[in-house]
Amino acid sequence: MSLRLSGLAAVVLSIALAGSAAAQAPATLETIPLFPGLTLVSEERIEDDGMEMENLEREVYPYVSGVKRIYATTATAEAVFDFYHQRFGGKRKWTSDDDWQNFGPGGPSPMILKYIAHDFDPFDHPLTGRVITGDMQRQLLSAHRPATSDGEWVHDAGFSWVFRDRAGVPTDFHLKVIDEAVTGHWSGYTPRTVVEIYVTRYGPPEDEE
Protein backbone atom coordinates (compact mmCIF):
# COMPACT_ATOMS: atom_id res chain seq x y z
CA MET A 1 0.00 0.00 0.00
CA SER A 2 1.37 3.40 -0.95
CA LEU A 3 1.79 5.99 1.81
CA ARG A 4 2.14 8.83 -0.69
CA LEU A 5 -0.39 11.63 -0.07
CA SER A 6 -2.10 13.51 -2.84
CA GLY A 7 -1.14 17.15 -3.22
CA LEU A 8 -4.34 18.39 -1.62
CA ALA A 9 -4.17 15.89 1.24
CA ALA A 10 -0.58 16.85 1.94
CA VAL A 11 -1.48 20.53 2.09
CA VAL A 12 -4.40 19.86 4.45
CA LEU A 13 -2.23 17.71 6.69
CA SER A 14 0.55 20.29 6.82
CA ILE A 15 -1.94 23.04 7.74
CA ALA A 16 -3.45 20.87 10.49
CA LEU A 17 -0.03 20.06 11.93
CA ALA A 18 1.03 23.69 11.77
CA GLY A 19 -2.16 24.78 13.52
CA SER A 20 -1.66 22.16 16.22
CA ALA A 21 1.92 23.26 16.83
CA ALA A 22 0.98 26.94 16.80
CA ALA A 23 -1.65 26.43 19.48
CA GLN A 24 0.69 24.65 21.90
CA ALA A 25 0.59 26.40 25.27
CA PRO A 26 3.98 27.50 26.66
CA ALA A 27 5.33 25.53 29.60
CA THR A 28 7.54 28.27 31.08
CA LEU A 29 7.76 32.04 31.31
CA GLU A 30 10.77 32.01 28.99
CA THR A 31 8.88 30.22 26.20
CA ILE A 32 5.98 32.69 26.07
CA PRO A 33 6.33 34.50 22.72
CA LEU A 34 6.59 38.28 22.83
CA PHE A 35 4.89 40.47 20.27
CA PRO A 36 7.62 42.18 18.20
CA GLY A 37 8.48 45.58 19.59
CA LEU A 38 7.19 45.04 23.12
CA THR A 39 9.07 47.06 25.73
CA LEU A 40 9.35 45.80 29.30
CA VAL A 41 7.81 48.40 31.61
CA SER A 42 8.05 46.62 34.95
CA GLU A 43 8.57 43.28 36.65
CA GLU A 44 7.52 42.37 40.14
CA ARG A 45 7.15 39.35 42.35
CA ILE A 46 3.69 37.90 42.96
CA GLU A 47 3.51 37.70 46.73
CA ASP A 48 2.33 34.54 48.46
CA ASP A 49 -1.03 35.23 50.07
CA GLY A 50 -1.84 31.63 50.86
CA MET A 51 -2.07 30.59 47.22
CA GLU A 52 -2.23 26.90 46.51
CA MET A 53 -3.71 24.49 43.97
CA GLU A 54 -5.47 21.22 44.71
CA ASN A 55 -5.98 18.24 42.41
CA LEU A 56 -8.86 15.76 42.30
CA GLU A 57 -7.08 13.53 44.82
CA ARG A 58 -7.04 16.52 47.20
CA GLU A 59 -3.27 16.78 47.05
CA VAL A 60 -2.28 20.38 47.72
CA TYR A 61 0.44 22.04 45.67
CA PRO A 62 2.00 24.94 47.65
CA TYR A 63 3.08 28.28 46.19
CA VAL A 64 6.75 28.44 45.20
CA SER A 65 7.20 31.66 43.24
CA GLY A 66 5.40 34.07 40.97
CA VAL A 67 6.22 36.91 38.62
CA LYS A 68 4.23 39.64 36.90
CA ARG A 69 5.67 41.37 33.85
CA ILE A 70 4.13 44.39 32.12
CA TYR A 71 5.04 45.28 28.54
CA ALA A 72 3.87 48.09 26.28
CA THR A 73 3.84 48.84 22.56
CA THR A 74 2.45 51.46 20.18
CA ALA A 75 0.97 48.70 18.02
CA THR A 76 -2.82 48.35 18.02
CA ALA A 77 -4.62 46.09 20.45
CA GLU A 78 -6.08 44.22 17.47
CA ALA A 79 -2.61 43.43 16.09
CA VAL A 80 -1.33 42.25 19.47
CA PHE A 81 -4.44 40.16 20.12
CA ASP A 82 -4.21 38.58 16.67
CA PHE A 83 -0.54 37.68 17.32
CA TYR A 84 -1.43 35.72 20.45
CA HIS A 85 -4.71 34.32 19.18
CA GLN A 86 -2.96 32.78 16.18
CA ARG A 87 -0.41 31.13 18.46
CA PHE A 88 -2.61 30.16 21.38
CA GLY A 89 -6.12 29.74 20.01
CA GLY A 90 -8.49 29.56 22.94
CA LYS A 91 -11.95 28.48 24.08
CA ARG A 92 -14.31 31.35 24.85
CA LYS A 93 -16.69 29.22 26.91
CA TRP A 94 -15.10 27.49 29.89
CA THR A 95 -16.74 24.37 31.31
CA SER A 96 -15.77 22.18 34.25
CA ASP A 97 -14.37 19.68 31.73
CA ASP A 98 -11.64 22.23 30.97
CA ASP A 99 -10.37 22.33 34.54
CA TRP A 100 -6.65 21.56 34.80
CA GLN A 101 -7.40 18.84 37.32
CA ASN A 102 -8.92 16.73 34.54
CA PHE A 103 -5.68 16.57 32.56
CA GLY A 104 -2.68 14.40 33.25
CA PRO A 105 0.98 15.29 33.78
CA GLY A 106 3.28 16.45 31.02
CA GLY A 107 1.08 18.95 29.23
CA PRO A 108 -1.30 21.93 29.37
CA SER A 109 -4.94 22.34 30.20
CA PRO A 110 -7.12 23.82 27.43
CA MET A 111 -6.38 27.45 26.59
CA ILE A 112 -9.22 29.65 27.85
CA LEU A 113 -9.85 32.97 26.11
CA LYS A 114 -11.70 35.90 27.64
CA TYR A 115 -12.38 38.51 24.97
CA ILE A 116 -14.06 41.87 25.50
CA ALA A 117 -14.70 44.35 22.67
CA HIS A 118 -15.36 48.05 23.13
CA ASP A 119 -19.11 48.32 23.77
CA PHE A 120 -19.58 52.01 22.88
CA ASP A 121 -22.17 52.66 25.55
CA PRO A 122 -22.92 56.40 25.77
CA PHE A 123 -21.94 58.22 28.96
CA ASP A 124 -21.70 61.71 30.42
CA HIS A 125 -18.19 63.12 30.44
CA PRO A 126 -17.29 63.51 34.16
CA LEU A 127 -15.73 66.95 33.68
CA THR A 128 -17.80 68.63 30.97
CA GLY A 129 -21.10 66.78 31.33
CA ARG A 130 -21.15 66.32 27.56
CA VAL A 131 -22.73 63.11 26.32
CA ILE A 132 -20.09 60.92 24.66
CA THR A 133 -22.15 58.87 22.22
CA GLY A 134 -21.32 55.47 20.80
CA ASP A 135 -20.86 57.02 17.36
CA MET A 136 -18.31 59.47 18.75
CA GLN A 137 -16.36 56.59 20.29
CA ARG A 138 -16.42 54.59 17.06
CA GLN A 139 -15.28 57.60 15.05
CA LEU A 140 -12.30 58.12 17.36
CA LEU A 141 -11.14 54.52 17.03
CA SER A 142 -11.83 54.22 13.30
CA ALA A 143 -9.77 57.36 12.67
CA HIS A 144 -6.70 55.63 14.12
CA ARG A 145 -7.04 51.90 13.42
CA PRO A 146 -9.17 49.44 11.47
CA ALA A 147 -11.71 47.20 13.16
CA THR A 148 -11.41 43.42 13.21
CA SER A 149 -13.12 41.28 10.58
CA ASP A 150 -16.10 41.16 12.97
CA GLY A 151 -16.33 44.95 13.00
CA GLU A 152 -15.05 45.18 16.58
CA TRP A 153 -12.20 46.87 18.42
CA VAL A 154 -10.41 45.03 21.20
CA HIS A 155 -10.92 46.47 24.68
CA ASP A 156 -9.07 43.68 26.47
CA ALA A 157 -8.47 39.97 26.14
CA GLY A 158 -6.99 37.30 28.38
CA PHE A 159 -5.45 33.88 27.77
CA SER A 160 -5.29 31.46 30.70
CA TRP A 161 -3.88 27.96 31.04
CA VAL A 162 -2.18 25.58 33.47
CA PHE A 163 0.82 23.48 32.51
CA ARG A 164 1.68 20.36 34.53
CA ASP A 165 5.19 18.93 34.43
CA ARG A 166 5.85 15.21 34.19
CA ALA A 167 5.39 14.86 37.95
CA GLY A 168 2.00 16.58 37.70
CA VAL A 169 3.11 19.79 39.44
CA PRO A 170 1.19 22.79 38.00
CA THR A 171 2.27 26.23 36.84
CA ASP A 172 -0.50 28.80 36.36
CA PHE A 173 -0.32 31.22 33.40
CA HIS A 174 -2.28 34.35 32.48
CA LEU A 175 -1.58 36.72 29.59
CA LYS A 176 -3.64 39.87 29.10
CA VAL A 177 -3.85 42.28 26.16
CA ILE A 178 -5.23 45.69 27.18
CA ASP A 179 -6.10 48.67 24.99
CA GLU A 180 -4.86 51.86 26.68
CA ALA A 181 -4.90 54.10 23.61
CA VAL A 182 -8.04 56.06 24.48
CA THR A 183 -7.33 58.96 26.80
CA GLY A 184 -9.27 61.61 28.65
CA HIS A 185 -12.64 59.84 28.66
CA TRP A 186 -12.61 59.48 24.86
CA SER A 187 -11.30 63.00 24.28
CA GLY A 188 -7.95 61.87 22.87
CA TYR A 189 -5.93 59.02 21.44
CA THR A 190 -2.32 57.99 22.08
CA PRO A 191 -1.21 54.63 20.61
CA ARG A 192 -0.57 52.24 23.50
CA THR A 193 -1.32 48.57 24.10
CA VAL A 194 -0.26 46.81 27.30
CA VAL A 195 0.57 43.12 27.69
CA GLU A 196 0.53 41.71 31.21
CA ILE A 197 1.99 38.27 31.92
CA TYR A 198 1.44 36.45 35.22
CA VAL A 199 3.19 33.16 35.96
CA THR A 200 2.79 31.36 39.29
CA ARG A 201 4.78 28.22 40.06
CA TYR A 202 3.73 25.62 42.59
CA GLY A 203 5.68 22.83 44.24
CA PRO A 204 5.12 19.10 44.86
CA PRO A 205 2.33 18.19 47.31
CA GLU A 206 3.34 18.50 50.94
CA ASP A 207 3.09 15.41 53.10
CA GLU A 208 0.11 15.58 55.41
CA GLU A 209 0.90 15.26 59.07
C-alpha atoms as a PDB file:
ATOM      1  CA  MET A   1       0.000   0.000   0.000  1.00  0.00           C
ATOM      2  CA  SER A   2       1.370   3.395  -0.951  1.00  0.00           C
ATOM      3  CA  LEU A   3       1.787   5.993   1.808  1.00  0.00           C
ATOM      4  CA  ARG A   4       2.140   8.830  -0.689  1.00  0.00           C
ATOM      5  CA  LEU A   5      -0.385  11.632  -0.069  1.00  0.00           C
ATOM      6  CA  SER A   6      -2.104  13.513  -2.844  1.00  0.00           C
ATOM      7  CA  GLY A   7      -1.136  17.152  -3.220  1.00  0.00           C
ATOM      8  CA  LEU A   8      -4.340  18.386  -1.621  1.00  0.00           C
ATOM      9  CA  ALA A   9      -4.167  15.885   1.245  1.00  0.00           C
ATOM     10  CA  ALA A  10      -0.575  16.851   1.944  1.00  0.00           C
ATOM     11  CA  VAL A  11      -1.484  20.531   2.092  1.00  0.00           C
ATOM     12  CA  VAL A  12      -4.404  19.855   4.453  1.00  0.00           C
ATOM     13  CA  LEU A  13      -2.230  17.710   6.692  1.00  0.00           C
ATOM     14  CA  SER A  14       0.550  20.289   6.817  1.00  0.00           C
ATOM     15  CA  ILE A  15      -1.941  23.039   7.741  1.00  0.00           C
ATOM     16  CA  ALA A  16      -3.446  20.870  10.486  1.00  0.00           C
ATOM     17  CA  LEU A  17      -0.031  20.060  11.927  1.00  0.00           C
ATOM     18  CA  ALA A  18       1.029  23.693  11.770  1.00  0.00           C
ATOM     19  CA  GLY A  19      -2.157  24.782  13.525  1.00  0.00           C
ATOM     20  CA  SER A  20      -1.656  22.161  16.223  1.00  0.00           C
ATOM     21  CA  ALA A  21       1.924  23.259  16.826  1.00  0.00           C
ATOM     22  CA  ALA A  22       0.979  26.942  16.805  1.00  0.00           C
ATOM     23  CA  ALA A  23      -1.655  26.428  19.479  1.00  0.00           C
ATOM     24  CA  GLN A  24       0.692  24.649  21.903  1.00  0.00           C
ATOM     25  CA  ALA A  25       0.586  26.398  25.273  1.00  0.00           C
ATOM     26  CA  PRO A  26       3.978  27.498  26.656  1.00  0.00           C
ATOM     27  CA  ALA A  27       5.331  25.532  29.600  1.00  0.00           C
ATOM     28  CA  THR A  28       7.542  28.269  31.084  1.00  0.00           C
ATOM     29  CA  LEU A  29       7.760  32.045  31.306  1.00  0.00           C
ATOM     30  CA  GLU A  30      10.767  32.015  28.990  1.00  0.00           C
ATOM     31  CA  THR A  31       8.879  30.223  26.200  1.00  0.00           C
ATOM     32  CA  ILE A  32       5.977  32.695  26.066  1.00  0.00           C
ATOM     33  CA  PRO A  33       6.334  34.504  22.719  1.00  0.00           C
ATOM     34  CA  LEU A  34       6.589  38.282  22.826  1.00  0.00           C
ATOM     35  CA  PHE A  35       4.888  40.474  20.267  1.00  0.00           C
ATOM     36  CA  PRO A  36       7.617  42.181  18.195  1.00  0.00           C
ATOM     37  CA  GLY A  37       8.480  45.579  19.592  1.00  0.00           C
ATOM     38  CA  LEU A  38       7.188  45.036  23.124  1.00  0.00           C
ATOM     39  CA  THR A  39       9.066  47.064  25.727  1.00  0.00           C
ATOM     40  CA  LEU A  40       9.351  45.804  29.298  1.00  0.00           C
ATOM     41  CA  VAL A  41       7.810  48.402  31.613  1.00  0.00           C
ATOM     42  CA  SER A  42       8.048  46.621  34.952  1.00  0.00           C
ATOM     43  CA  GLU A  43       8.570  43.283  36.647  1.00  0.00           C
ATOM     44  CA  GLU A  44       7.519  42.369  40.145  1.00  0.00           C
ATOM     45  CA  ARG A  45       7.150  39.348  42.348  1.00  0.00           C
ATOM     46  CA  ILE A  46       3.694  37.899  42.959  1.00  0.00           C
ATOM     47  CA  GLU A  47       3.507  37.698  46.730  1.00  0.00           C
ATOM     48  CA  ASP A  48       2.335  34.537  48.458  1.00  0.00           C
ATOM     49  CA  ASP A  49      -1.033  35.228  50.069  1.00  0.00           C
ATOM     50  CA  GLY A  50      -1.837  31.631  50.862  1.00  0.00           C
ATOM     51  CA  MET A  51      -2.074  30.594  47.224  1.00  0.00           C
ATOM     52  CA  GLU A  52      -2.227  26.895  46.510  1.00  0.00           C
ATOM     53  CA  MET A  53      -3.708  24.489  43.974  1.00  0.00           C
ATOM     54  CA  GLU A  54      -5.467  21.215  44.705  1.00  0.00           C
ATOM     55  CA  ASN A  55      -5.975  18.238  42.409  1.00  0.00           C
ATOM     56  CA  LEU A  56      -8.862  15.764  42.302  1.00  0.00           C
ATOM     57  CA  GLU A  57      -7.078  13.532  44.819  1.00  0.00           C
ATOM     58  CA  ARG A  58      -7.035  16.520  47.203  1.00  0.00           C
ATOM     59  CA  GLU A  59      -3.266  16.775  47.047  1.00  0.00           C
ATOM     60  CA  VAL A  60      -2.283  20.383  47.722  1.00  0.00           C
ATOM     61  CA  TYR A  61       0.438  22.035  45.671  1.00  0.00           C
ATOM     62  CA  PRO A  62       1.996  24.938  47.650  1.00  0.00           C
ATOM     63  CA  TYR A  63       3.076  28.281  46.194  1.00  0.00           C
ATOM     64  CA  VAL A  64       6.748  28.440  45.196  1.00  0.00           C
ATOM     65  CA  SER A  65       7.202  31.661  43.239  1.00  0.00           C
ATOM     66  CA  GLY A  66       5.400  34.071  40.973  1.00  0.00           C
ATOM     67  CA  VAL A  67       6.219  36.912  38.620  1.00  0.00           C
ATOM     68  CA  LYS A  68       4.232  39.643  36.901  1.00  0.00           C
ATOM     69  CA  ARG A  69       5.670  41.373  33.847  1.00  0.00           C
ATOM     70  CA  ILE A  70       4.134  44.388  32.117  1.00  0.00           C
ATOM     71  CA  TYR A  71       5.037  45.281  28.543  1.00  0.00           C
ATOM     72  CA  ALA A  72       3.866  48.095  26.277  1.00  0.00           C
ATOM     73  CA  THR A  73       3.835  48.844  22.556  1.00  0.00           C
ATOM     74  CA  THR A  74       2.449  51.459  20.183  1.00  0.00           C
ATOM     75  CA  ALA A  75       0.966  48.695  18.019  1.00  0.00           C
ATOM     76  CA  THR A  76      -2.821  48.345  18.022  1.00  0.00           C
ATOM     77  CA  ALA A  77      -4.616  46.090  20.452  1.00  0.00           C
ATOM     78  CA  GLU A  78      -6.081  44.223  17.467  1.00  0.00           C
ATOM     79  CA  ALA A  79      -2.608  43.432  16.092  1.00  0.00           C
ATOM     80  CA  VAL A  80      -1.331  42.249  19.467  1.00  0.00           C
ATOM     81  CA  PHE A  81      -4.440  40.163  20.123  1.00  0.00           C
ATOM     82  CA  ASP A  82      -4.206  38.577  16.667  1.00  0.00           C
ATOM     83  CA  PHE A  83      -0.541  37.678  17.315  1.00  0.00           C
ATOM     84  CA  TYR A  84      -1.428  35.717  20.452  1.00  0.00           C
ATOM     85  CA  HIS A  85      -4.715  34.322  19.177  1.00  0.00           C
ATOM     86  CA  GLN A  86      -2.957  32.785  16.179  1.00  0.00           C
ATOM     87  CA  ARG A  87      -0.413  31.133  18.456  1.00  0.00           C
ATOM     88  CA  PHE A  88      -2.611  30.156  21.383  1.00  0.00           C
ATOM     89  CA  GLY A  89      -6.117  29.736  20.007  1.00  0.00           C
ATOM     90  CA  GLY A  90      -8.495  29.559  22.945  1.00  0.00           C
ATOM     91  CA  LYS A  91     -11.946  28.479  24.080  1.00  0.00           C
ATOM     92  CA  ARG A  92     -14.307  31.354  24.849  1.00  0.00           C
ATOM     93  CA  LYS A  93     -16.688  29.220  26.908  1.00  0.00           C
ATOM     94  CA  TRP A  94     -15.100  27.492  29.890  1.00  0.00           C
ATOM     95  CA  THR A  95     -16.736  24.371  31.308  1.00  0.00           C
ATOM     96  CA  SER A  96     -15.774  22.175  34.247  1.00  0.00           C
ATOM     97  CA  ASP A  97     -14.372  19.680  31.729  1.00  0.00           C
ATOM     98  CA  ASP A  98     -11.640  22.233  30.969  1.00  0.00           C
ATOM     99  CA  ASP A  99     -10.366  22.333  34.544  1.00  0.00           C
ATOM    100  CA  TRP A 100      -6.645  21.565  34.797  1.00  0.00           C
ATOM    101  CA  GLN A 101      -7.402  18.837  37.324  1.00  0.00           C
ATOM    102  CA  ASN A 102      -8.925  16.731  34.543  1.00  0.00           C
ATOM    103  CA  PHE A 103      -5.677  16.572  32.564  1.00  0.00           C
ATOM    104  CA  GLY A 104      -2.679  14.402  33.254  1.00  0.00           C
ATOM    105  CA  PRO A 105       0.978  15.294  33.780  1.00  0.00           C
ATOM    106  CA  GLY A 106       3.282  16.452  31.018  1.00  0.00           C
ATOM    107  CA  GLY A 107       1.077  18.946  29.234  1.00  0.00           C
ATOM    108  CA  PRO A 108      -1.302  21.931  29.366  1.00  0.00           C
ATOM    109  CA  SER A 109      -4.941  22.341  30.198  1.00  0.00           C
ATOM    110  CA  PRO A 110      -7.121  23.824  27.433  1.00  0.00           C
ATOM    111  CA  MET A 111      -6.382  27.455  26.585  1.00  0.00           C
ATOM    112  CA  ILE A 112      -9.218  29.649  27.853  1.00  0.00           C
ATOM    113  CA  LEU A 113      -9.850  32.971  26.110  1.00  0.00           C
ATOM    114  CA  LYS A 114     -11.702  35.899  27.639  1.00  0.00           C
ATOM    115  CA  TYR A 115     -12.376  38.511  24.970  1.00  0.00           C
ATOM    116  CA  ILE A 116     -14.061  41.873  25.497  1.00  0.00           C
ATOM    117  CA  ALA A 117     -14.695  44.347  22.667  1.00  0.00           C
ATOM    118  CA  HIS A 118     -15.365  48.055  23.131  1.00  0.00           C
ATOM    119  CA  ASP A 119     -19.114  48.317  23.770  1.00  0.00           C
ATOM    120  CA  PHE A 120     -19.580  52.012  22.879  1.00  0.00           C
ATOM    121  CA  ASP A 121     -22.174  52.657  25.554  1.00  0.00           C
ATOM    122  CA  PRO A 122     -22.919  56.405  25.766  1.00  0.00           C
ATOM    123  CA  PHE A 123     -21.941  58.223  28.959  1.00  0.00           C
ATOM    124  CA  ASP A 124     -21.699  61.707  30.417  1.00  0.00           C
ATOM    125  CA  HIS A 125     -18.187  63.116  30.438  1.00  0.00           C
ATOM    126  CA  PRO A 126     -17.293  63.511  34.165  1.00  0.00           C
ATOM    127  CA  LEU A 127     -15.730  66.953  33.684  1.00  0.00           C
ATOM    128  CA  THR A 128     -17.797  68.628  30.973  1.00  0.00           C
ATOM    129  CA  GLY A 129     -21.104  66.778  31.326  1.00  0.00           C
ATOM    130  CA  ARG A 130     -21.151  66.324  27.564  1.00  0.00           C
ATOM    131  CA  VAL A 131     -22.728  63.106  26.318  1.00  0.00           C
ATOM    132  CA  ILE A 132     -20.089  60.918  24.662  1.00  0.00           C
ATOM    133  CA  THR A 133     -22.147  58.871  22.221  1.00  0.00           C
ATOM    134  CA  GLY A 134     -21.315  55.470  20.799  1.00  0.00           C
ATOM    135  CA  ASP A 135     -20.856  57.022  17.359  1.00  0.00           C
ATOM    136  CA  MET A 136     -18.310  59.468  18.745  1.00  0.00           C
ATOM    137  CA  GLN A 137     -16.358  56.591  20.294  1.00  0.00           C
ATOM    138  CA  ARG A 138     -16.423  54.585  17.058  1.00  0.00           C
ATOM    139  CA  GLN A 139     -15.279  57.599  15.055  1.00  0.00           C
ATOM    140  CA  LEU A 140     -12.301  58.123  17.358  1.00  0.00           C
ATOM    141  CA  LEU A 141     -11.138  54.521  17.034  1.00  0.00           C
ATOM    142  CA  SER A 142     -11.833  54.218  13.298  1.00  0.00           C
ATOM    143  CA  ALA A 143      -9.772  57.361  12.674  1.00  0.00           C
ATOM    144  CA  HIS A 144      -6.702  55.632  14.115  1.00  0.00           C
ATOM    145  CA  ARG A 145      -7.040  51.903  13.416  1.00  0.00           C
ATOM    146  CA  PRO A 146      -9.169  49.441  11.472  1.00  0.00           C
ATOM    147  CA  ALA A 147     -11.714  47.200  13.164  1.00  0.00           C
ATOM    148  CA  THR A 148     -11.414  43.416  13.212  1.00  0.00           C
ATOM    149  CA  SER A 149     -13.121  41.285  10.579  1.00  0.00           C
ATOM    150  CA  ASP A 150     -16.096  41.162  12.968  1.00  0.00           C
ATOM    151  CA  GLY A 151     -16.330  44.950  12.999  1.00  0.00           C
ATOM    152  CA  GLU A 152     -15.051  45.181  16.577  1.00  0.00           C
ATOM    153  CA  TRP A 153     -12.203  46.873  18.415  1.00  0.00           C
ATOM    154  CA  VAL A 154     -10.407  45.031  21.202  1.00  0.00           C
ATOM    155  CA  HIS A 155     -10.923  46.474  24.679  1.00  0.00           C
ATOM    156  CA  ASP A 156      -9.070  43.682  26.473  1.00  0.00           C
ATOM    157  CA  ALA A 157      -8.466  39.966  26.138  1.00  0.00           C
ATOM    158  CA  GLY A 158      -6.986  37.304  28.382  1.00  0.00           C
ATOM    159  CA  PHE A 159      -5.450  33.885  27.770  1.00  0.00           C
ATOM    160  CA  SER A 160      -5.289  31.458  30.704  1.00  0.00           C
ATOM    161  CA  TRP A 161      -3.879  27.962  31.042  1.00  0.00           C
ATOM    162  CA  VAL A 162      -2.184  25.576  33.469  1.00  0.00           C
ATOM    163  CA  PHE A 163       0.824  23.478  32.508  1.00  0.00           C
ATOM    164  CA  ARG A 164       1.682  20.361  34.526  1.00  0.00           C
ATOM    165  CA  ASP A 165       5.190  18.935  34.429  1.00  0.00           C
ATOM    166  CA  ARG A 166       5.852  15.206  34.186  1.00  0.00           C
ATOM    167  CA  ALA A 167       5.387  14.857  37.949  1.00  0.00           C
ATOM    168  CA  GLY A 168       1.999  16.577  37.704  1.00  0.00           C
ATOM    169  CA  VAL A 169       3.111  19.789  39.436  1.00  0.00           C
ATOM    170  CA  PRO A 170       1.189  22.786  38.000  1.00  0.00           C
ATOM    171  CA  THR A 171       2.270  26.228  36.837  1.00  0.00           C
ATOM    172  CA  ASP A 172      -0.499  28.796  36.355  1.00  0.00           C
ATOM    173  CA  PHE A 173      -0.322  31.222  33.400  1.00  0.00           C
ATOM    174  CA  HIS A 174      -2.276  34.353  32.484  1.00  0.00           C
ATOM    175  CA  LEU A 175      -1.578  36.716  29.587  1.00  0.00           C
ATOM    176  CA  LYS A 176      -3.643  39.867  29.100  1.00  0.00           C
ATOM    177  CA  VAL A 177      -3.849  42.276  26.162  1.00  0.00           C
ATOM    178  CA  ILE A 178      -5.228  45.690  27.177  1.00  0.00           C
ATOM    179  CA  ASP A 179      -6.104  48.666  24.987  1.00  0.00           C
ATOM    180  CA  GLU A 180      -4.864  51.856  26.685  1.00  0.00           C
ATOM    181  CA  ALA A 181      -4.903  54.099  23.615  1.00  0.00           C
ATOM    182  CA  VAL A 182      -8.042  56.055  24.477  1.00  0.00           C
ATOM    183  CA  THR A 183      -7.326  58.965  26.798  1.00  0.00           C
ATOM    184  CA  GLY A 184      -9.269  61.615  28.651  1.00  0.00           C
ATOM    185  CA  HIS A 185     -12.643  59.844  28.665  1.00  0.00           C
ATOM    186  CA  TRP A 186     -12.607  59.479  24.864  1.00  0.00           C
ATOM    187  CA  SER A 187     -11.303  63.004  24.275  1.00  0.00           C
ATOM    188  CA  GLY A 188      -7.952  61.869  22.872  1.00  0.00           C
ATOM    189  CA  TYR A 189      -5.935  59.018  21.438  1.00  0.00           C
ATOM    190  CA  THR A 190      -2.321  57.986  22.080  1.00  0.00           C
ATOM    191  CA  PRO A 191      -1.207  54.633  20.608  1.00  0.00           C
ATOM    192  CA  ARG A 192      -0.567  52.235  23.503  1.00  0.00           C
ATOM    193  CA  THR A 193      -1.318  48.570  24.104  1.00  0.00           C
ATOM    194  CA  VAL A 194      -0.262  46.812  27.298  1.00  0.00           C
ATOM    195  CA  VAL A 195       0.566  43.124  27.688  1.00  0.00           C
ATOM    196  CA  GLU A 196       0.533  41.711  31.213  1.00  0.00           C
ATOM    197  CA  ILE A 197       1.994  38.266  31.921  1.00  0.00           C
ATOM    198  CA  TYR A 198       1.440  36.452  35.225  1.00  0.00           C
ATOM    199  CA  VAL A 199       3.193  33.155  35.960  1.00  0.00           C
ATOM    200  CA  THR A 200       2.786  31.361  39.294  1.00  0.00           C
ATOM    201  CA  ARG A 201       4.780  28.217  40.063  1.00  0.00           C
ATOM    202  CA  TYR A 202       3.730  25.616  42.590  1.00  0.00           C
ATOM    203  CA  GLY A 203       5.676  22.828  44.242  1.00  0.00           C
ATOM    204  CA  PRO A 204       5.117  19.104  44.861  1.00  0.00           C
ATOM    205  CA  PRO A 205       2.334  18.195  47.312  1.00  0.00           C
ATOM    206  CA  GLU A 206       3.341  18.503  50.938  1.00  0.00           C
ATOM    207  CA  ASP A 207       3.087  15.408  53.096  1.00  0.00           C
ATOM    208  CA  GLU A 208       0.109  15.583  55.410  1.00  0.00           C
ATOM    209  CA  GLU A 209       0.898  15.264  59.067  1.00  0.00           C
END
